[in-house]
Amino acid sequence: MQGQFHSKLAFIAYQKMAKRLIFLLVLMSYTACVSAAENIRKPTWYRYYDSKGVSNISTSVTPNHIRYGYEALDQNMQVIKRNKPYNAEADIKQAPQRAAAAKRNEADAQLKRAYSNSKVAEQKKHDILVAIKKQIVFQQGQLKQLQEDRIMFVRQEREYNRKAEPMPAALKTTLNNNQKNIIAKKEDVQSLQTRYRNTAAEYDRIIARLKAME
């Protein structure tokens, strides 16, 4: 009884080993077939037809292949791929487009290096605009103070005129300086407001481009 049990175990082990061997043989056969197929489809020859229609074959691509256009052939001389002739005129016409594309790609690469993604750019935009806005508020506060000072200086000027008294030279100088400062401060505010709008528009462009690349 015990001998029958051991025989049964040995038979089961043999079956498992046989199945493993069959699997390995099938796998090796499949791998060999795939490798052979890849080798067959790998370009071995390159053929072009010259202006007289004469076939020219070589193991490498020459300037004439590019000039006339050529076919990539496998080891059985079957066409794998056809390449069109090089067109110098078309290439020249496309040069500006390629240059523009290269410039655009470089600009995109710079944006990626500078901001990584659109979220970073949005935060940067927010921080810069907040800083500019603070400058605008500060300059507007100074402008308001200058305008209030001018009201006081003008009242003093009118009081001298009402009394028909000559206006002191110091007051006249103060009024002139005050007017110049008001004009300069208005220009500062306008400059900051323009900077704010331009910065917002520029970051909107940057963010849109980054989102397009994401």
C-alpha atoms as a PDB file:
ATOM      1  CA  MET A   1       0.000   0.000   0.000  1.00  0.00           C
ATOM      2  CA  GLN A   2       2.810   2.380   0.904  1.00  0.00           C
ATOM      3  CA  GLY A   3       4.648   1.511  -2.343  1.00  0.00           C
ATOM      4  CA  GLN A   4       1.570   2.444  -4.375  1.00  0.00           C
ATOM      5  CA  PHE A   5       1.385   5.783  -2.572  1.00  0.00           C
ATOM      6  CA  HIS A   6       5.023   6.628  -3.380  1.00  0.00           C
ATOM      7  CA  SER A   7       4.519   5.576  -6.990  1.00  0.00           C
ATOM      8  CA  LYS A   8       1.542   7.898  -7.270  1.00  0.00           C
ATOM      9  CA  LEU A   9       3.559  10.813  -5.887  1.00  0.00           C
ATOM     10  CA  ALA A  10       6.388  10.113  -8.306  1.00  0.00           C
ATOM     11  CA  PHE A  11       3.919  10.039 -11.224  1.00  0.00           C
ATOM     12  CA  ILE A  12       2.427  13.402 -10.188  1.00  0.00           C
ATOM     13  CA  ALA A  13       5.915  14.951  -9.901  1.00  0.00           C
ATOM     14  CA  TYR A  14       6.775  13.585 -13.344  1.00  0.00           C
ATOM     15  CA  GLN A  15       3.632  15.149 -14.851  1.00  0.00           C
ATOM     16  CA  LYS A  16       4.488  18.543 -13.345  1.00  0.00           C
ATOM     17  CA  MET A  17       8.053  18.365 -14.683  1.00  0.00           C
ATOM     18  CA  ALA A  18       6.774  17.389 -18.125  1.00  0.00           C
ATOM     19  CA  LYS A  19       4.372  20.335 -18.189  1.00  0.00           C
ATOM     20  CA  ARG A  20       7.188  22.714 -17.233  1.00  0.00           C
ATOM     21  CA  LEU A  21       9.415  21.373 -19.992  1.00  0.00           C
ATOM     22  CA  ILE A  22       6.629  21.751 -22.566  1.00  0.00           C
ATOM     23  CA  PHE A  23       5.995  25.329 -21.418  1.00  0.00           C
ATOM     24  CA  LEU A  24       9.676  26.202 -21.696  1.00  0.00           C
ATOM     25  CA  LEU A  25       9.902  24.678 -25.174  1.00  0.00           C
ATOM     26  CA  VAL A  26       6.850  26.645 -26.354  1.00  0.00           C
ATOM     27  CA  LEU A  27       8.239  29.877 -24.853  1.00  0.00           C
ATOM     28  CA  MET A  28      11.627  29.371 -26.523  1.00  0.00           C
ATOM     29  CA  SER A  29       9.965  28.601 -29.845  1.00  0.00           C
ATOM     30  CA  TYR A  30       7.813  31.764 -29.620  1.00  0.00           C
ATOM     31  CA  THR A  31      10.815  33.927 -28.725  1.00  0.00           C
ATOM     32  CA  ALA A  32      12.767  32.521 -31.641  1.00  0.00           C
ATOM     33  CA  CYS A  33       9.876  33.236 -34.026  1.00  0.00           C
ATOM     34  CA  VAL A  34       9.536  36.829 -32.793  1.00  0.00           C
ATOM     35  CA  SER A  35      13.275  37.393 -33.100  1.00  0.00           C
ATOM     36  CA  ALA A  36      13.308  35.946 -36.596  1.00  0.00           C
ATOM     37  CA  ALA A  37      10.368  38.124 -37.623  1.00  0.00           C
ATOM     38  CA  GLU A  38      12.108  41.227 -36.311  1.00  0.00           C
ATOM     39  CA  ASN A  39      15.291  40.344 -38.173  1.00  0.00           C
ATOM     40  CA  ILE A  40      13.354  39.808 -41.367  1.00  0.00           C
ATOM     41  CA  ARG A  41      11.717  43.255 -41.133  1.00  0.00           C
ATOM     42  CA  LYS A  42      14.945  45.041 -40.278  1.00  0.00           C
ATOM     43  CA  PRO A  43      16.213  47.171 -43.205  1.00  0.00           C
ATOM     44  CA  THR A  44      19.083  45.474 -45.017  1.00  0.00           C
ATOM     45  CA  TRP A  45      19.111  47.292 -48.339  1.00  0.00           C
ATOM     46  CA  TYR A  46      18.316  50.792 -49.560  1.00  0.00           C
ATOM     47  CA  ARG A  47      17.155  51.319 -53.148  1.00  0.00           C
ATOM     48  CA  TYR A  48      16.602  54.432 -55.228  1.00  0.00           C
ATOM     49  CA  TYR A  49      15.825  55.088 -58.890  1.00  0.00           C
ATOM     50  CA  ASP A  50      17.873  57.797 -60.617  1.00  0.00           C
ATOM     51  CA  SER A  51      16.673  60.266 -63.267  1.00  0.00           C
ATOM     52  CA  LYS A  52      16.914  57.528 -65.922  1.00  0.00           C
ATOM     53  CA  GLY A  53      14.901  55.087 -63.872  1.00  0.00           C
ATOM     54  CA  VAL A  54      17.896  52.886 -63.105  1.00  0.00           C
ATOM     55  CA  SER A  55      17.675  51.012 -59.816  1.00  0.00           C
ATOM     56  CA  ASN A  56      20.564  51.552 -57.377  1.00  0.00           C
ATOM     57  CA  ILE A  57      20.929  49.431 -54.243  1.00  0.00           C
ATOM     58  CA  SER A  58      23.331  49.791 -51.322  1.00  0.00           C
ATOM     59  CA  THR A  59      23.620  48.842 -47.686  1.00  0.00           C
ATOM     60  CA  SER A  60      23.599  52.479 -46.534  1.00  0.00           C
ATOM     61  CA  VAL A  61      21.791  55.699 -47.394  1.00  0.00           C
ATOM     62  CA  THR A  62      23.775  58.025 -49.688  1.00  0.00           C
ATOM     63  CA  PRO A  63      23.100  61.631 -50.764  1.00  0.00           C
ATOM     64  CA  ASN A  64      21.582  60.273 -53.991  1.00  0.00           C
ATOM     65  CA  HIS A  65      19.129  58.184 -51.981  1.00  0.00           C
ATOM     66  CA  ILE A  66      17.969  61.344 -50.250  1.00  0.00           C
ATOM     67  CA  ARG A  67      17.922  63.323 -53.497  1.00  0.00           C
ATOM     68  CA  TYR A  68      15.772  60.867 -55.438  1.00  0.00           C
ATOM     69  CA  GLY A  69      13.882  59.280 -52.584  1.00  0.00           C
ATOM     70  CA  TYR A  70      14.470  55.703 -51.580  1.00  0.00           C
ATOM     71  CA  GLU A  71      12.955  52.468 -50.305  1.00  0.00           C
ATOM     72  CA  ALA A  72      14.120  50.532 -47.248  1.00  0.00           C
ATOM     73  CA  LEU A  73      14.175  46.802 -48.033  1.00  0.00           C
ATOM     74  CA  ASP A  74      14.411  43.765 -45.781  1.00  0.00           C
ATOM     75  CA  GLN A  75      16.723  40.819 -46.441  1.00  0.00           C
ATOM     76  CA  ASN A  76      14.102  39.347 -48.783  1.00  0.00           C
ATOM     77  CA  MET A  77      14.070  42.565 -50.846  1.00  0.00           C
ATOM     78  CA  GLN A  78      10.583  43.419 -49.636  1.00  0.00           C
ATOM     79  CA  VAL A  79       9.787  47.121 -49.178  1.00  0.00           C
ATOM     80  CA  ILE A  80       9.546  48.115 -45.521  1.00  0.00           C
ATOM     81  CA  LYS A  81       9.286  51.873 -45.933  1.00  0.00           C
ATOM     82  CA  ARG A  82       9.316  54.495 -48.689  1.00  0.00           C
ATOM     83  CA  ASN A  83      10.967  57.889 -48.211  1.00  0.00           C
ATOM     84  CA  LYS A  84      10.087  60.836 -50.414  1.00  0.00           C
ATOM     85  CA  PRO A  85      12.766  62.759 -52.373  1.00  0.00           C
ATOM     86  CA  TYR A  86      14.340  65.735 -50.670  1.00  0.00           C
ATOM     87  CA  ASN A  87      12.809  68.972 -51.956  1.00  0.00           C
ATOM     88  CA  ALA A  88      15.227  71.861 -51.444  1.00  0.00           C
ATOM     89  CA  GLU A  89      12.675  74.510 -52.463  1.00  0.00           C
ATOM     90  CA  ALA A  90      10.065  73.180 -50.054  1.00  0.00           C
ATOM     91  CA  ASP A  91      12.706  72.918 -47.351  1.00  0.00           C
ATOM     92  CA  ILE A  92      13.638  76.587 -47.822  1.00  0.00           C
ATOM     93  CA  LYS A  93       9.981  77.637 -47.683  1.00  0.00           C
ATOM     94  CA  GLN A  94       9.480  75.710 -44.450  1.00  0.00           C
ATOM     95  CA  ALA A  95      12.595  77.168 -42.835  1.00  0.00           C
ATOM     96  CA  PRO A  96      10.728  80.140 -41.232  1.00  0.00           C
ATOM     97  CA  GLN A  97       8.116  77.751 -39.833  1.00  0.00           C
ATOM     98  CA  ARG A  98      10.795  75.507 -38.369  1.00  0.00           C
ATOM     99  CA  ALA A  99      12.567  78.519 -36.878  1.00  0.00           C
ATOM    100  CA  ALA A 100       9.310  79.743 -35.329  1.00  0.00           C
ATOM    101  CA  ALA A 101       8.580  76.268 -33.967  1.00  0.00           C
ATOM    102  CA  ALA A 102      12.097  76.012 -32.516  1.00  0.00           C
ATOM    103  CA  LYS A 103      11.723  79.441 -30.913  1.00  0.00           C
ATOM    104  CA  ARG A 104       8.338  78.464 -29.487  1.00  0.00           C
ATOM    105  CA  ASN A 105       9.718  75.193 -28.117  1.00  0.00           C
ATOM    106  CA  GLU A 106      12.612  77.021 -26.479  1.00  0.00           C
ATOM    107  CA  ALA A 107      10.194  79.532 -24.933  1.00  0.00           C
ATOM    108  CA  ASP A 108       8.059  76.659 -23.639  1.00  0.00           C
ATOM    109  CA  ALA A 109      11.133  75.001 -22.160  1.00  0.00           C
ATOM    110  CA  GLN A 110      12.075  78.251 -20.409  1.00  0.00           C
ATOM    111  CA  LEU A 111       8.568  78.535 -18.961  1.00  0.00           C
ATOM    112  CA  LYS A 112       8.757  74.977 -17.650  1.00  0.00           C
ATOM    113  CA  ARG A 113      12.129  75.670 -16.055  1.00  0.00           C
ATOM    114  CA  ALA A 114      10.906  78.929 -14.516  1.00  0.00           C
ATOM    115  CA  TYR A 115       7.479  77.848 -13.221  1.00  0.00           C
ATOM    116  CA  SER A 116       7.238  74.033 -13.467  1.00  0.00           C
ATOM    117  CA  ASN A 117       3.437  74.198 -13.820  1.00  0.00           C
ATOM    118  CA  SER A 118       0.471  76.575 -14.061  1.00  0.00           C
ATOM    119  CA  LYS A 119      -0.255  76.482 -10.314  1.00  0.00           C
ATOM    120  CA  VAL A 120       3.188  77.897  -9.529  1.00  0.00           C
ATOM    121  CA  ALA A 121       2.702  80.625 -12.143  1.00  0.00           C
ATOM    122  CA  GLU A 122      -0.713  81.533 -10.715  1.00  0.00           C
ATOM    123  CA  GLN A 123       0.774  81.955  -7.238  1.00  0.00           C
ATOM    124  CA  LYS A 124       3.632  84.046  -8.660  1.00  0.00           C
ATOM    125  CA  LYS A 125       1.120  86.241 -10.490  1.00  0.00           C
ATOM    126  CA  HIS A 126      -0.865  86.748  -7.301  1.00  0.00           C
ATOM    127  CA  ASP A 127       2.208  87.699  -5.243  1.00  0.00           C
ATOM    128  CA  ILE A 128       3.507  90.207  -7.822  1.00  0.00           C
ATOM    129  CA  LEU A 129       0.112  91.854  -8.363  1.00  0.00           C
ATOM    130  CA  VAL A 130      -0.411  92.202  -4.616  1.00  0.00           C
ATOM    131  CA  ALA A 131       2.988  93.936  -4.317  1.00  0.00           C
ATOM    132  CA  ILE A 132       2.190  96.324  -7.191  1.00  0.00           C
ATOM    133  CA  LYS A 133      -1.232  97.054  -5.717  1.00  0.00           C
ATOM    134  CA  LYS A 134       0.392  98.050  -2.414  1.00  0.00           C
ATOM    135  CA  GLN A 135       2.672 100.470  -4.276  1.00  0.00           C
ATOM    136  CA  ILE A 136      -0.326 101.979  -6.080  1.00  0.00           C
ATOM    137  CA  VAL A 137      -2.194 102.491  -2.794  1.00  0.00           C
ATOM    138  CA  PHE A 138       0.891 104.089  -1.223  1.00  0.00           C
ATOM    139  CA  GLN A 139       1.433 106.461  -4.173  1.00  0.00           C
ATOM    140  CA  GLN A 140      -2.275 107.356  -4.250  1.00  0.00           C
ATOM    141  CA  GLY A 141      -2.073 108.221  -0.544  1.00  0.00           C
ATOM    142  CA  GLN A 142       0.857 110.556  -1.201  1.00  0.00           C
ATOM    143  CA  LEU A 143      -1.000 112.127  -4.134  1.00  0.00           C
ATOM    144  CA  LYS A 144      -4.042 112.749  -1.951  1.00  0.00           C
ATOM    145  CA  GLN A 145      -1.860 114.438   0.671  1.00  0.00           C
ATOM    146  CA  LEU A 146      -0.267 116.673  -1.971  1.00  0.00           C
ATOM    147  CA  GLN A 147      -3.695 117.661  -3.277  1.00  0.00           C
ATOM    148  CA  GLU A 148      -4.914 118.481   0.243  1.00  0.00           C
ATOM    149  CA  ASP A 149      -1.765 120.550   0.833  1.00  0.00           C
ATOM    150  CA  ARG A 150      -2.445 122.435  -2.395  1.00  0.00           C
ATOM    151  CA  ILE A 151      -5.924 123.369  -1.232  1.00  0.00           C
ATOM    152  CA  MET A 152      -4.362 124.927   1.862  1.00  0.00           C
ATOM    153  CA  PHE A 153      -1.674 126.743  -0.150  1.00  0.00           C
ATOM    154  CA  VAL A 154      -4.256 128.100  -2.616  1.00  0.00           C
ATOM    155  CA  ARG A 155      -6.368 129.423   0.255  1.00  0.00           C
ATOM    156  CA  GLN A 156      -3.326 131.291   1.566  1.00  0.00           C
ATOM    157  CA  GLU A 157      -2.707 132.679  -1.918  1.00  0.00           C
ATOM    158  CA  ARG A 158      -6.300 133.897  -2.203  1.00  0.00           C
ATOM    159  CA  GLU A 159      -6.123 135.499   1.218  1.00  0.00           C
ATOM    160  CA  TYR A 160      -3.108 137.577   0.118  1.00  0.00           C
ATOM    161  CA  ASN A 161      -4.954 138.529  -3.065  1.00  0.00           C
ATOM    162  CA  ARG A 162      -8.077 139.517  -1.094  1.00  0.00           C
ATOM    163  CA  LYS A 163      -6.006 141.794   1.090  1.00  0.00           C
ATOM    164  CA  ALA A 164      -4.189 143.097  -1.970  1.00  0.00           C
ATOM    165  CA  GLU A 165      -0.908 142.137  -0.352  1.00  0.00           C
ATOM    166  CA  PRO A 166       2.062 140.719  -2.266  1.00  0.00           C
ATOM    167  CA  MET A 167       2.352 136.929  -1.991  1.00  0.00           C
ATOM    168  CA  PRO A 168       5.557 135.838  -0.229  1.00  0.00           C
ATOM    169  CA  ALA A 169       8.152 134.287  -2.509  1.00  0.00           C
ATOM    170  CA  ALA A 170       8.300 131.186  -0.269  1.00  0.00           C
ATOM    171  CA  LEU A 171       4.567 130.550  -0.757  1.00  0.00           C
ATOM    172  CA  LYS A 172       4.900 130.981  -4.508  1.00  0.00           C
ATOM    173  CA  THR A 173       7.798 128.485  -4.577  1.00  0.00           C
ATOM    174  CA  THR A 174       5.799 126.048  -2.425  1.00  0.00           C
ATOM    175  CA  LEU A 175       2.834 126.251  -4.804  1.00  0.00           C
ATOM    176  CA  ASN A 176       5.051 125.610  -7.832  1.00  0.00           C
ATOM    177  CA  ASN A 177       6.809 122.674  -6.187  1.00  0.00           C
ATOM    178  CA  ASN A 178       3.500 121.284  -5.000  1.00  0.00           C
ATOM    179  CA  GLN A 179       2.094 121.387  -8.543  1.00  0.00           C
ATOM    180  CA  LYS A 180       5.182 119.635  -9.953  1.00  0.00           C
ATOM    181  CA  ASN A 181       4.972 116.967  -7.265  1.00  0.00           C
ATOM    182  CA  ILE A 182       1.286 116.374  -7.990  1.00  0.00           C
ATOM    183  CA  ILE A 183       1.995 115.898 -11.714  1.00  0.00           C
ATOM    184  CA  ALA A 184       4.923 113.556 -10.993  1.00  0.00           C
ATOM    185  CA  LYS A 185       2.886 111.549  -8.490  1.00  0.00           C
ATOM    186  CA  LYS A 186       0.000 111.166 -10.951  1.00  0.00           C
ATOM    187  CA  GLU A 187       2.491 109.841 -13.515  1.00  0.00           C
ATOM    188  CA  ASP A 188       3.831 107.380 -10.941  1.00  0.00           C
ATOM    189  CA  VAL A 189       0.335 106.081 -10.214  1.00  0.00           C
ATOM    190  CA  GLN A 190      -0.492 105.760 -13.921  1.00  0.00           C
ATOM    191  CA  SER A 191       2.797 103.937 -14.531  1.00  0.00           C
ATOM    192  CA  LEU A 192       2.070 101.466 -11.733  1.00  0.00           C
ATOM    193  CA  GLN A 193      -1.474 100.916 -12.986  1.00  0.00           C
ATOM    194  CA  THR A 194      -0.129 100.187 -16.491  1.00  0.00           C
ATOM    195  CA  ARG A 195       2.469  97.843 -14.999  1.00  0.00           C
ATOM    196  CA  TYR A 196      -0.295  96.073 -13.083  1.00  0.00           C
ATOM    197  CA  ARG A 197      -2.375  95.509 -16.226  1.00  0.00           C
ATOM    198  CA  ASN A 198       0.605  94.405 -18.329  1.00  0.00           C
ATOM    199  CA  THR A 199       1.842  92.025 -15.638  1.00  0.00           C
ATOM    200  CA  ALA A 200      -1.612  90.466 -15.289  1.00  0.00           C
ATOM    201  CA  ALA A 201      -1.897  90.026 -19.068  1.00  0.00           C
ATOM    202  CA  GLU A 202       1.609  88.549 -19.322  1.00  0.00           C
ATOM    203  CA  TYR A 203       0.966  86.026 -16.558  1.00  0.00           C
ATOM    204  CA  ASP A 204      -2.383  85.133 -18.101  1.00  0.00           C
ATOM    205  CA  ARG A 205      -0.488  84.258 -21.282  1.00  0.00           C
ATOM    206  CA  ILE A 206       2.118  82.262 -19.348  1.00  0.00           C
ATOM    207  CA  ILE A 207      -0.511  80.357 -17.370  1.00  0.00           C
ATOM    208  CA  ALA A 208      -2.519  79.546 -20.498  1.00  0.00           C
ATOM    209  CA  ARG A 209       0.596  78.224 -22.237  1.00  0.00           C
ATOM    210  CA  LEU A 210       1.605  76.114 -19.235  1.00  0.00           C
ATOM    211  CA  LYS A 211      -1.903  74.660 -19.022  1.00  0.00           C
ATOM    212  CA  ALA A 212      -1.736  73.771 -22.733  1.00  0.00           C
ATOM    213  CA  MET A 213       1.479  71.807 -22.070  1.00  0.00           C
ATOM    214  CA  GLU A 214       0.028  69.977 -19.051  1.00  0.00           C
END
